[in-house]
N, C-alpha and C. Protein backbone atom coordinates (compact mmCIF):
# COMPACT_ATOMS: atom_id res chain seq x y z
N UNK A 1 -178.11 -58.78 73.75
CA UNK A 1 -178.02 -59.17 72.44
C UNK A 1 -177.02 -59.05 71.38
N UNK A 2 -176.68 -59.95 70.48
CA UNK A 2 -175.76 -59.81 69.98
C UNK A 2 -175.41 -58.27 68.96
N UNK A 3 -174.30 -58.03 68.58
CA UNK A 3 -173.91 -56.77 68.01
C UNK A 3 -174.33 -57.12 66.36
N UNK A 4 -174.81 -56.44 65.57
CA UNK A 4 -174.83 -56.48 64.16
C UNK A 4 -173.64 -56.65 63.50
N UNK A 5 -172.95 -57.64 62.54
CA UNK A 5 -171.82 -57.63 62.12
C UNK A 5 -171.61 -57.68 60.59
N UNK A 6 -173.06 -57.46 60.18
CA UNK A 6 -173.18 -57.38 58.79
C UNK A 6 -172.39 -56.18 57.90
N UNK A 7 -171.85 -56.33 56.85
CA UNK A 7 -170.94 -55.06 56.20
C UNK A 7 -171.89 -54.53 55.24
N UNK A 8 -172.83 -55.28 54.43
CA UNK A 8 -173.76 -54.68 53.39
C UNK A 8 -175.33 -55.13 53.84
N UNK A 9 -175.85 -54.20 53.55
CA UNK A 9 -177.56 -54.00 53.25
C UNK A 9 -178.00 -55.26 52.42
N UNK A 10 -178.92 -55.99 53.00
CA UNK A 10 -179.73 -57.14 52.61
C UNK A 10 -180.65 -56.77 51.91
N UNK A 11 -181.38 -57.28 50.77
CA UNK A 11 -182.44 -57.21 50.48
C UNK A 11 -183.18 -58.67 49.94
N UNK A 12 -184.36 -58.62 50.42
CA UNK A 12 -185.03 -59.83 50.06
C UNK A 12 -185.02 -60.31 48.59
N UNK A 13 -184.71 -61.22 48.43
CA UNK A 13 -184.68 -61.86 46.86
C UNK A 13 -185.41 -63.41 47.16
N UNK A 14 -186.41 -63.95 46.60
CA UNK A 14 -187.24 -65.04 46.66
C UNK A 14 -187.06 -65.69 45.45
N UNK A 15 -186.85 -66.91 45.77
CA UNK A 15 -186.94 -67.85 44.35
C UNK A 15 -186.05 -69.22 44.67
N UNK A 16 -186.16 -70.10 43.89
CA UNK A 16 -185.08 -71.37 44.24
C UNK A 16 -183.73 -71.09 43.98
N UNK A 17 -183.15 -72.28 44.96
CA UNK A 17 -181.80 -71.94 44.88
C UNK A 17 -180.92 -73.31 44.94
N UNK A 18 -179.92 -73.48 44.42
CA UNK A 18 -179.20 -74.64 44.42
C UNK A 18 -177.74 -74.57 45.33
N UNK A 19 -177.18 -75.28 46.13
CA UNK A 19 -175.93 -75.36 46.79
C UNK A 19 -175.45 -76.85 46.46
N UNK A 20 -174.36 -76.75 46.17
CA UNK A 20 -173.22 -77.63 45.84
C UNK A 20 -172.23 -77.67 46.80
N UNK A 21 -171.63 -78.75 47.13
CA UNK A 21 -170.34 -78.93 47.92
C UNK A 21 -169.59 -80.15 47.15
N UNK A 22 -168.47 -79.78 46.93
CA UNK A 22 -167.35 -81.01 46.20
C UNK A 22 -168.03 -82.39 47.04
N UNK A 23 -168.11 -83.06 46.18
CA UNK A 23 -168.49 -84.59 46.51
C UNK A 23 -169.64 -84.81 47.32
N UNK A 24 -170.57 -84.03 46.87
CA UNK A 24 -172.02 -84.19 47.76
C UNK A 24 -172.96 -83.85 46.79
N UNK A 25 -174.23 -84.22 46.59
CA UNK A 25 -175.36 -84.02 45.93
C UNK A 25 -175.94 -82.53 46.24
N UNK A 26 -176.64 -82.10 44.96
CA UNK A 26 -176.62 -80.79 45.34
C UNK A 26 -178.02 -80.63 46.24
N UNK A 27 -178.32 -79.69 47.05
CA UNK A 27 -178.99 -79.34 48.01
C UNK A 27 -179.96 -78.23 47.40
N UNK A 28 -181.23 -78.59 47.20
CA UNK A 28 -182.51 -77.53 46.53
C UNK A 28 -183.05 -76.64 47.88
N UNK A 29 -183.14 -75.54 47.73
CA UNK A 29 -183.69 -74.96 48.81
C UNK A 29 -184.12 -73.45 47.99
N UNK A 30 -184.59 -72.46 48.94
CA UNK A 30 -184.84 -71.36 48.49
C UNK A 30 -184.37 -70.14 48.84
N UNK A 31 -183.88 -69.16 48.15
CA UNK A 31 -183.38 -67.74 48.43
C UNK A 31 -184.14 -66.77 49.45
N UNK A 32 -183.29 -66.25 50.50
CA UNK A 32 -184.07 -65.44 51.65
C UNK A 32 -183.86 -64.09 51.29
N UNK A 33 -182.49 -63.63 50.99
CA UNK A 33 -182.34 -62.41 50.75
C UNK A 33 -180.52 -62.56 50.38
N UNK A 34 -180.17 -61.28 49.87
CA UNK A 34 -179.12 -61.00 49.24
C UNK A 34 -178.34 -59.70 49.63
N UNK A 35 -176.88 -59.69 49.39
CA UNK A 35 -176.27 -58.29 49.60
C UNK A 35 -175.00 -58.44 48.70
N UNK A 36 -174.09 -57.33 49.00
CA UNK A 36 -173.07 -57.20 47.72
C UNK A 36 -171.90 -58.27 48.15
N UNK A 37 -172.22 -58.66 49.72
CA UNK A 37 -171.18 -59.74 49.91
C UNK A 37 -171.70 -61.11 50.34
N UNK A 38 -172.71 -61.46 49.98
CA UNK A 38 -173.38 -62.79 50.37
C UNK A 38 -174.90 -63.01 50.46
N UNK A 39 -175.33 -63.96 50.57
CA UNK A 39 -176.64 -64.07 50.75
C UNK A 39 -177.18 -64.98 51.84
N UNK A 40 -178.57 -65.54 52.29
CA UNK A 40 -179.00 -66.59 52.81
C UNK A 40 -179.79 -67.18 51.92
N UNK A 41 -179.65 -68.31 52.32
CA UNK A 41 -180.74 -69.47 51.56
C UNK A 41 -181.42 -70.51 52.56
N UNK A 42 -182.66 -70.97 52.36
CA UNK A 42 -183.29 -71.62 53.63
C UNK A 42 -183.37 -73.00 52.83
N UNK A 43 -182.89 -73.94 53.64
CA UNK A 43 -182.48 -75.51 53.05
C UNK A 43 -183.15 -76.31 54.09
N UNK A 44 -183.47 -77.50 53.70
CA UNK A 44 -184.30 -78.55 54.60
C UNK A 44 -182.85 -79.28 55.56
N UNK A 45 -181.73 -79.02 55.28
CA UNK A 45 -180.56 -79.61 55.78
C UNK A 45 -179.82 -78.79 56.62
N UNK A 46 -179.09 -78.87 57.38
CA UNK A 46 -177.92 -78.31 58.22
C UNK A 46 -176.74 -78.64 57.25
N UNK A 47 -176.10 -77.18 56.91
CA UNK A 47 -174.51 -77.28 56.63
C UNK A 47 -173.39 -77.11 57.72
N UNK A 48 -172.19 -77.64 57.41
CA UNK A 48 -171.36 -77.21 58.39
C UNK A 48 -171.04 -75.77 58.07
N UNK A 49 -170.63 -74.85 58.95
CA UNK A 49 -170.07 -73.72 58.86
C UNK A 49 -168.47 -73.86 58.49
N UNK A 50 -168.12 -72.96 57.22
CA UNK A 50 -166.84 -73.01 56.82
C UNK A 50 -166.88 -73.98 55.50
N UNK A 51 -168.27 -74.66 55.11
CA UNK A 51 -168.30 -75.36 54.08
C UNK A 51 -168.13 -74.51 52.84
N UNK A 52 -167.31 -74.91 52.10
CA UNK A 52 -167.28 -74.18 50.61
C UNK A 52 -168.25 -74.79 49.71
N UNK A 53 -169.02 -73.78 49.11
CA UNK A 53 -170.08 -73.95 48.43
C UNK A 53 -169.80 -73.66 46.97
N UNK A 54 -171.19 -74.04 46.42
CA UNK A 54 -171.38 -73.19 45.09
C UNK A 54 -172.79 -72.94 44.90
N UNK A 55 -173.33 -71.68 44.82
CA UNK A 55 -174.50 -71.25 44.81
C UNK A 55 -175.04 -70.67 43.75
N UNK A 56 -176.27 -71.25 43.32
CA UNK A 56 -176.82 -70.99 41.95
C UNK A 56 -178.42 -70.54 42.17
N UNK A 57 -178.61 -69.36 41.69
CA UNK A 57 -179.87 -68.99 41.81
C UNK A 57 -180.16 -67.86 40.64
N UNK A 58 -181.49 -67.23 40.55
CA UNK A 58 -182.04 -66.34 39.59
C UNK A 58 -181.66 -64.79 40.03
N UNK A 59 -181.60 -64.03 39.38
CA UNK A 59 -181.60 -62.78 39.65
C UNK A 59 -181.98 -61.79 38.54
N UNK A 60 -183.04 -60.80 38.88
CA UNK A 60 -183.59 -59.88 37.81
C UNK A 60 -182.39 -59.05 37.44
N UNK A 61 -182.62 -58.76 36.02
CA UNK A 61 -181.64 -57.93 35.42
C UNK A 61 -182.59 -56.52 35.59
N UNK A 62 -181.69 -55.48 35.75
CA UNK A 62 -182.28 -53.93 35.71
C UNK A 62 -182.87 -53.92 34.67
N UNK A 63 -183.99 -53.21 35.31
CA UNK A 63 -185.34 -52.29 34.13
C UNK A 63 -185.79 -53.43 33.21
N UNK A 64 -185.70 -54.51 33.52
CA UNK A 64 -186.54 -55.71 32.79
C UNK A 64 -187.01 -56.69 33.41
N UNK A 65 -187.97 -57.56 33.03
CA UNK A 65 -188.43 -58.61 33.99
C UNK A 65 -187.79 -60.06 33.88
N UNK A 66 -186.52 -59.74 32.89
CA UNK A 66 -185.65 -60.69 32.38
C UNK A 66 -185.10 -61.50 33.78
N UNK A 67 -184.80 -62.68 33.51
CA UNK A 67 -183.96 -63.41 35.00
C UNK A 67 -182.78 -63.85 34.25
N UNK A 68 -181.62 -63.76 34.93
CA UNK A 68 -180.31 -64.35 34.87
C UNK A 68 -179.83 -65.33 35.81
N UNK A 69 -179.31 -66.19 35.04
CA UNK A 69 -179.05 -67.50 35.93
C UNK A 69 -177.50 -66.86 36.71
N UNK A 70 -177.49 -67.16 38.01
CA UNK A 70 -176.22 -66.49 38.62
C UNK A 70 -175.38 -67.74 39.63
N UNK A 71 -174.41 -67.92 39.49
CA UNK A 71 -173.70 -68.75 40.04
C UNK A 71 -172.43 -68.26 40.61
N UNK A 72 -171.96 -68.66 42.01
CA UNK A 72 -171.14 -67.79 42.55
C UNK A 72 -170.67 -69.23 43.90
N UNK A 73 -169.41 -68.75 44.01
CA UNK A 73 -168.37 -69.63 45.05
C UNK A 73 -168.70 -68.91 46.43
N UNK A 74 -168.96 -69.42 47.07
CA UNK A 74 -169.27 -68.92 48.68
C UNK A 74 -168.66 -70.11 49.79
N UNK A 75 -168.75 -69.29 51.12
CA UNK A 75 -168.55 -70.25 52.16
C UNK A 75 -169.20 -69.98 53.20
N UNK A 76 -169.91 -71.05 53.73
CA UNK A 76 -171.11 -70.92 54.96
C UNK A 76 -170.08 -70.20 55.90
N UNK A 77 -171.08 -69.04 56.32
CA UNK A 77 -170.89 -68.47 57.36
C UNK A 77 -171.29 -68.55 58.40
N UNK A 78 -172.85 -68.74 58.46
CA UNK A 78 -173.42 -69.22 59.49
C UNK A 78 -174.84 -70.07 59.52
N UNK A 79 -175.53 -70.93 60.18
CA UNK A 79 -176.72 -71.59 60.20
C UNK A 79 -177.62 -71.57 61.52
N UNK A 80 -178.77 -71.62 61.08
CA UNK A 80 -179.53 -71.34 62.32
C UNK A 80 -181.02 -72.00 61.90
N UNK A 81 -181.79 -72.68 62.69
CA UNK A 81 -182.96 -73.07 62.31
C UNK A 81 -184.19 -72.17 62.44
N UNK A 82 -184.70 -71.90 61.70
CA UNK A 82 -185.80 -70.81 61.58
C UNK A 82 -187.09 -71.66 61.41
N UNK A 83 -188.09 -71.57 62.39
CA UNK A 83 -189.38 -72.29 62.57
C UNK A 83 -190.56 -71.44 61.62
N UNK A 84 -190.17 -70.18 61.47
CA UNK A 84 -191.05 -69.62 60.68
C UNK A 84 -190.64 -69.63 58.91
N UNK A 85 -189.50 -70.14 58.99
CA UNK A 85 -189.18 -70.30 57.33
C UNK A 85 -189.24 -72.08 57.12
N UNK A 86 -189.31 -72.86 58.17
CA UNK A 86 -189.56 -74.17 58.19
C UNK A 86 -188.40 -74.85 57.61
N UNK A 87 -187.11 -74.08 58.14
CA UNK A 87 -185.73 -74.99 57.54
C UNK A 87 -184.73 -73.89 58.12
N UNK A 88 -183.23 -74.50 57.61
CA UNK A 88 -182.27 -73.73 58.31
C UNK A 88 -182.02 -72.56 57.41
N UNK A 89 -181.60 -71.76 57.92
CA UNK A 89 -181.44 -70.50 57.20
C UNK A 89 -179.50 -70.20 57.34
N UNK A 90 -179.46 -70.51 55.96
CA UNK A 90 -177.82 -71.08 55.77
C UNK A 90 -177.18 -69.47 55.35
N UNK A 91 -176.22 -68.75 55.80
CA UNK A 91 -175.77 -67.72 55.38
C UNK A 91 -174.32 -67.95 54.83
N UNK A 92 -174.26 -67.35 53.52
CA UNK A 92 -172.86 -67.41 52.90
C UNK A 92 -172.56 -66.16 52.38
N UNK A 93 -170.88 -66.21 52.45
CA UNK A 93 -170.30 -65.13 52.20
C UNK A 93 -169.48 -65.45 50.51
N UNK A 94 -170.15 -64.66 49.73
CA UNK A 94 -169.24 -64.66 48.29
C UNK A 94 -167.78 -64.76 48.45
N UNK A 95 -167.10 -65.59 47.37
CA UNK A 95 -165.40 -65.60 47.70
C UNK A 95 -165.13 -65.20 46.53
N UNK A 96 -165.79 -65.08 45.26
CA UNK A 96 -165.05 -64.90 44.26
C UNK A 96 -166.08 -64.42 43.04
N UNK A 97 -166.36 -63.06 43.66
CA UNK A 97 -167.52 -62.51 42.03
C UNK A 97 -166.44 -61.76 41.10
N UNK A 98 -167.03 -61.86 39.83
CA UNK A 98 -166.60 -61.02 38.80
C UNK A 98 -167.21 -59.82 38.76
N UNK A 99 -166.70 -58.87 37.92
CA UNK A 99 -167.25 -57.33 38.27
C UNK A 99 -168.41 -57.55 37.84
N UNK A 100 -168.72 -58.12 36.53
CA UNK A 100 -170.12 -57.97 36.14
C UNK A 100 -171.19 -58.84 37.11
N UNK A 101 -170.69 -59.92 37.85
CA UNK A 101 -171.65 -60.47 39.00
C UNK A 101 -171.88 -59.28 39.93
N UNK A 102 -170.98 -58.45 40.58
CA UNK A 102 -170.94 -57.51 41.44
C UNK A 102 -172.08 -56.44 41.14
N UNK A 103 -171.72 -56.18 39.89
CA UNK A 103 -172.94 -55.10 39.28
C UNK A 103 -174.15 -55.42 39.14
N UNK A 104 -174.33 -56.66 38.68
CA UNK A 104 -175.85 -57.38 38.76
C UNK A 104 -176.63 -57.32 40.24
N UNK A 105 -175.46 -57.50 41.20
CA UNK A 105 -175.98 -57.39 42.47
C UNK A 105 -176.50 -56.00 42.96
N UNK A 106 -175.58 -55.26 42.60
CA UNK A 106 -175.72 -54.14 43.09
C UNK A 106 -176.80 -53.43 42.45
N UNK A 107 -177.02 -53.53 41.32
CA UNK A 107 -178.48 -53.16 40.50
C UNK A 107 -179.75 -53.46 41.06
N UNK A 108 -179.58 -54.76 41.24
CA UNK A 108 -180.74 -55.58 41.91
C UNK A 108 -181.03 -54.68 43.26
N UNK A 109 -179.98 -54.64 44.23
CA UNK A 109 -180.12 -53.84 45.22
C UNK A 109 -180.81 -52.46 45.51
N UNK A 110 -180.37 -51.70 44.25
CA UNK A 110 -180.62 -50.54 43.96
C UNK A 110 -182.31 -50.42 43.07
N UNK A 111 -182.49 -51.51 42.52
CA UNK A 111 -183.54 -51.27 41.60
C UNK A 111 -184.53 -52.44 41.90
N UNK A 112 -184.99 -52.58 43.06
CA UNK A 112 -185.71 -54.23 43.26
C UNK A 112 -187.26 -53.84 42.56
N UNK A 113 -187.63 -54.77 41.71
CA UNK A 113 -188.59 -54.65 41.09
C UNK A 113 -190.12 -55.52 41.75
N UNK A 114 -191.02 -54.92 41.64
CA UNK A 114 -192.22 -55.68 41.96
C UNK A 114 -192.19 -57.21 41.72
N UNK A 115 -193.14 -57.84 42.34
CA UNK A 115 -193.13 -59.07 42.30
C UNK A 115 -193.13 -59.83 40.94
N UNK A 116 -192.20 -60.84 40.29
CA UNK A 116 -192.60 -61.38 38.90
C UNK A 116 -192.22 -62.60 39.06
N UNK A 117 -192.01 -63.44 37.73
CA UNK A 117 -191.67 -64.61 38.16
C UNK A 117 -190.29 -64.84 38.53
N UNK A 118 -189.50 -64.19 38.91
CA UNK A 118 -188.25 -64.09 39.53
C UNK A 118 -188.34 -64.97 40.90
N UNK A 119 -189.55 -64.54 41.77
CA UNK A 119 -189.78 -65.02 43.14
C UNK A 119 -191.08 -65.70 43.23
N UNK A 120 -191.49 -66.10 42.18
CA UNK A 120 -192.59 -67.03 41.99
C UNK A 120 -192.38 -68.35 41.96
N UNK A 121 -191.30 -68.91 41.86
CA UNK A 121 -190.74 -70.11 41.75
C UNK A 121 -190.18 -70.75 40.49
N UNK A 122 -190.50 -70.04 39.45
CA UNK A 122 -190.10 -70.42 38.04
C UNK A 122 -188.77 -70.11 38.00
N UNK A 123 -187.87 -70.82 37.20
CA UNK A 123 -186.52 -70.84 37.14
C UNK A 123 -186.22 -70.31 35.63
N UNK A 124 -185.25 -69.61 35.46
CA UNK A 124 -184.89 -68.99 34.16
C UNK A 124 -184.20 -70.07 33.31
N UNK A 125 -184.38 -70.30 32.17
CA UNK A 125 -184.00 -71.84 31.37
C UNK A 125 -182.67 -71.05 30.48
N UNK A 126 -182.33 -69.71 30.51
CA UNK A 126 -181.23 -69.00 29.78
C UNK A 126 -180.69 -67.70 30.52
N UNK A 127 -179.59 -67.38 29.78
CA UNK A 127 -179.50 -65.74 30.22
C UNK A 127 -179.99 -64.81 29.14
N UNK A 128 -180.44 -63.84 29.87
CA UNK A 128 -181.00 -62.78 28.64
C UNK A 128 -179.98 -62.18 27.78
N UNK A 129 -180.38 -62.24 26.69
CA UNK A 129 -179.52 -61.58 25.63
C UNK A 129 -178.72 -60.60 26.06
N UNK A 130 -179.50 -59.35 27.05
CA UNK A 130 -178.78 -58.16 27.15
C UNK A 130 -177.72 -58.25 28.08
N UNK A 131 -177.75 -59.60 28.67
CA UNK A 131 -176.73 -59.57 29.95
C UNK A 131 -176.04 -60.62 30.00
N UNK A 132 -174.71 -60.70 29.50
CA UNK A 132 -173.65 -61.98 29.27
C UNK A 132 -173.15 -61.81 30.68
N UNK A 133 -173.57 -61.50 31.64
CA UNK A 133 -173.11 -61.52 32.86
C UNK A 133 -172.99 -62.69 33.39
N UNK A 134 -173.50 -63.91 33.69
CA UNK A 134 -173.77 -65.04 34.66
C UNK A 134 -172.87 -66.02 34.25
N UNK A 135 -172.65 -66.94 34.89
CA UNK A 135 -172.03 -67.94 34.44
C UNK A 135 -172.57 -69.17 33.93
N UNK A 136 -173.77 -69.31 34.43
CA UNK A 136 -174.54 -70.47 33.88
C UNK A 136 -175.96 -70.17 34.66
N UNK A 137 -176.91 -70.68 33.73
CA UNK A 137 -178.36 -70.86 34.33
C UNK A 137 -178.88 -71.77 35.27
N UNK A 138 -179.71 -71.72 35.87
CA UNK A 138 -180.75 -73.01 36.39
C UNK A 138 -181.57 -73.74 35.43
N UNK A 139 -181.53 -74.83 35.56
CA UNK A 139 -182.69 -75.62 34.31
C UNK A 139 -183.92 -75.23 34.72
N UNK A 140 -184.93 -75.38 33.74
CA UNK A 140 -186.15 -74.82 33.71
C UNK A 140 -186.81 -75.49 34.92
N UNK A 141 -186.55 -76.72 35.31
CA UNK A 141 -187.14 -77.20 36.87
C UNK A 141 -186.34 -77.54 37.74
N UNK A 142 -186.18 -77.22 38.84
CA UNK A 142 -185.32 -77.83 39.63
C UNK A 142 -186.34 -78.96 40.51
N UNK A 143 -185.51 -80.11 40.53
CA UNK A 143 -186.14 -81.20 41.20
C UNK A 143 -186.60 -80.83 42.43
N UNK A 144 -187.66 -81.64 43.23
CA UNK A 144 -188.48 -81.45 44.28
C UNK A 144 -187.49 -82.18 45.51
N UNK A 145 -186.90 -83.30 44.98
CA UNK A 145 -186.42 -83.87 46.64
C UNK A 145 -185.03 -84.13 45.57
N UNK A 146 -184.09 -83.98 46.91
CA UNK A 146 -182.33 -84.47 46.80
C UNK A 146 -182.23 -85.74 47.17
N UNK A 147 -181.16 -85.96 46.98
CA UNK A 147 -180.23 -87.04 47.64
C UNK A 147 -179.30 -86.54 48.29
N UNK A 148 -179.30 -87.30 49.76
CA UNK A 148 -178.32 -87.09 50.79
C UNK A 148 -177.03 -88.07 50.24
N UNK A 149 -175.73 -87.23 50.37
CA UNK A 149 -174.52 -88.49 50.23
C UNK A 149 -174.13 -88.65 51.62
């Protein structure tokens, strides 16, 4: 069996996600997990390893039920089809996080809250007032279908 190569502990993070590559339509998927170094997203389509992407998702703000829209630059590190997830598990490594983004992820990992609308499929329409940490928020609704370029 292969040796575990992860440097960071991962925690489940459920909810919608959007991955965008330069010159291609956005792909809509769902978050599977997150760590300080990256994330896993389940998509209907395969992405090439080493693709540079922008990942957008929602994350719970510490000690609240508020959602913050989170946008991060990342690179695809691995892809595998998962029949149990009914899609491709796309692993990405974050390439440029701000200190505030790192802090949001760390707080989420340390203070995971019970199931709320963060993993129910609803999308935050704006950042919470107490957290100026994110680059942009996902829209209220993510389209159910995507265009392929």
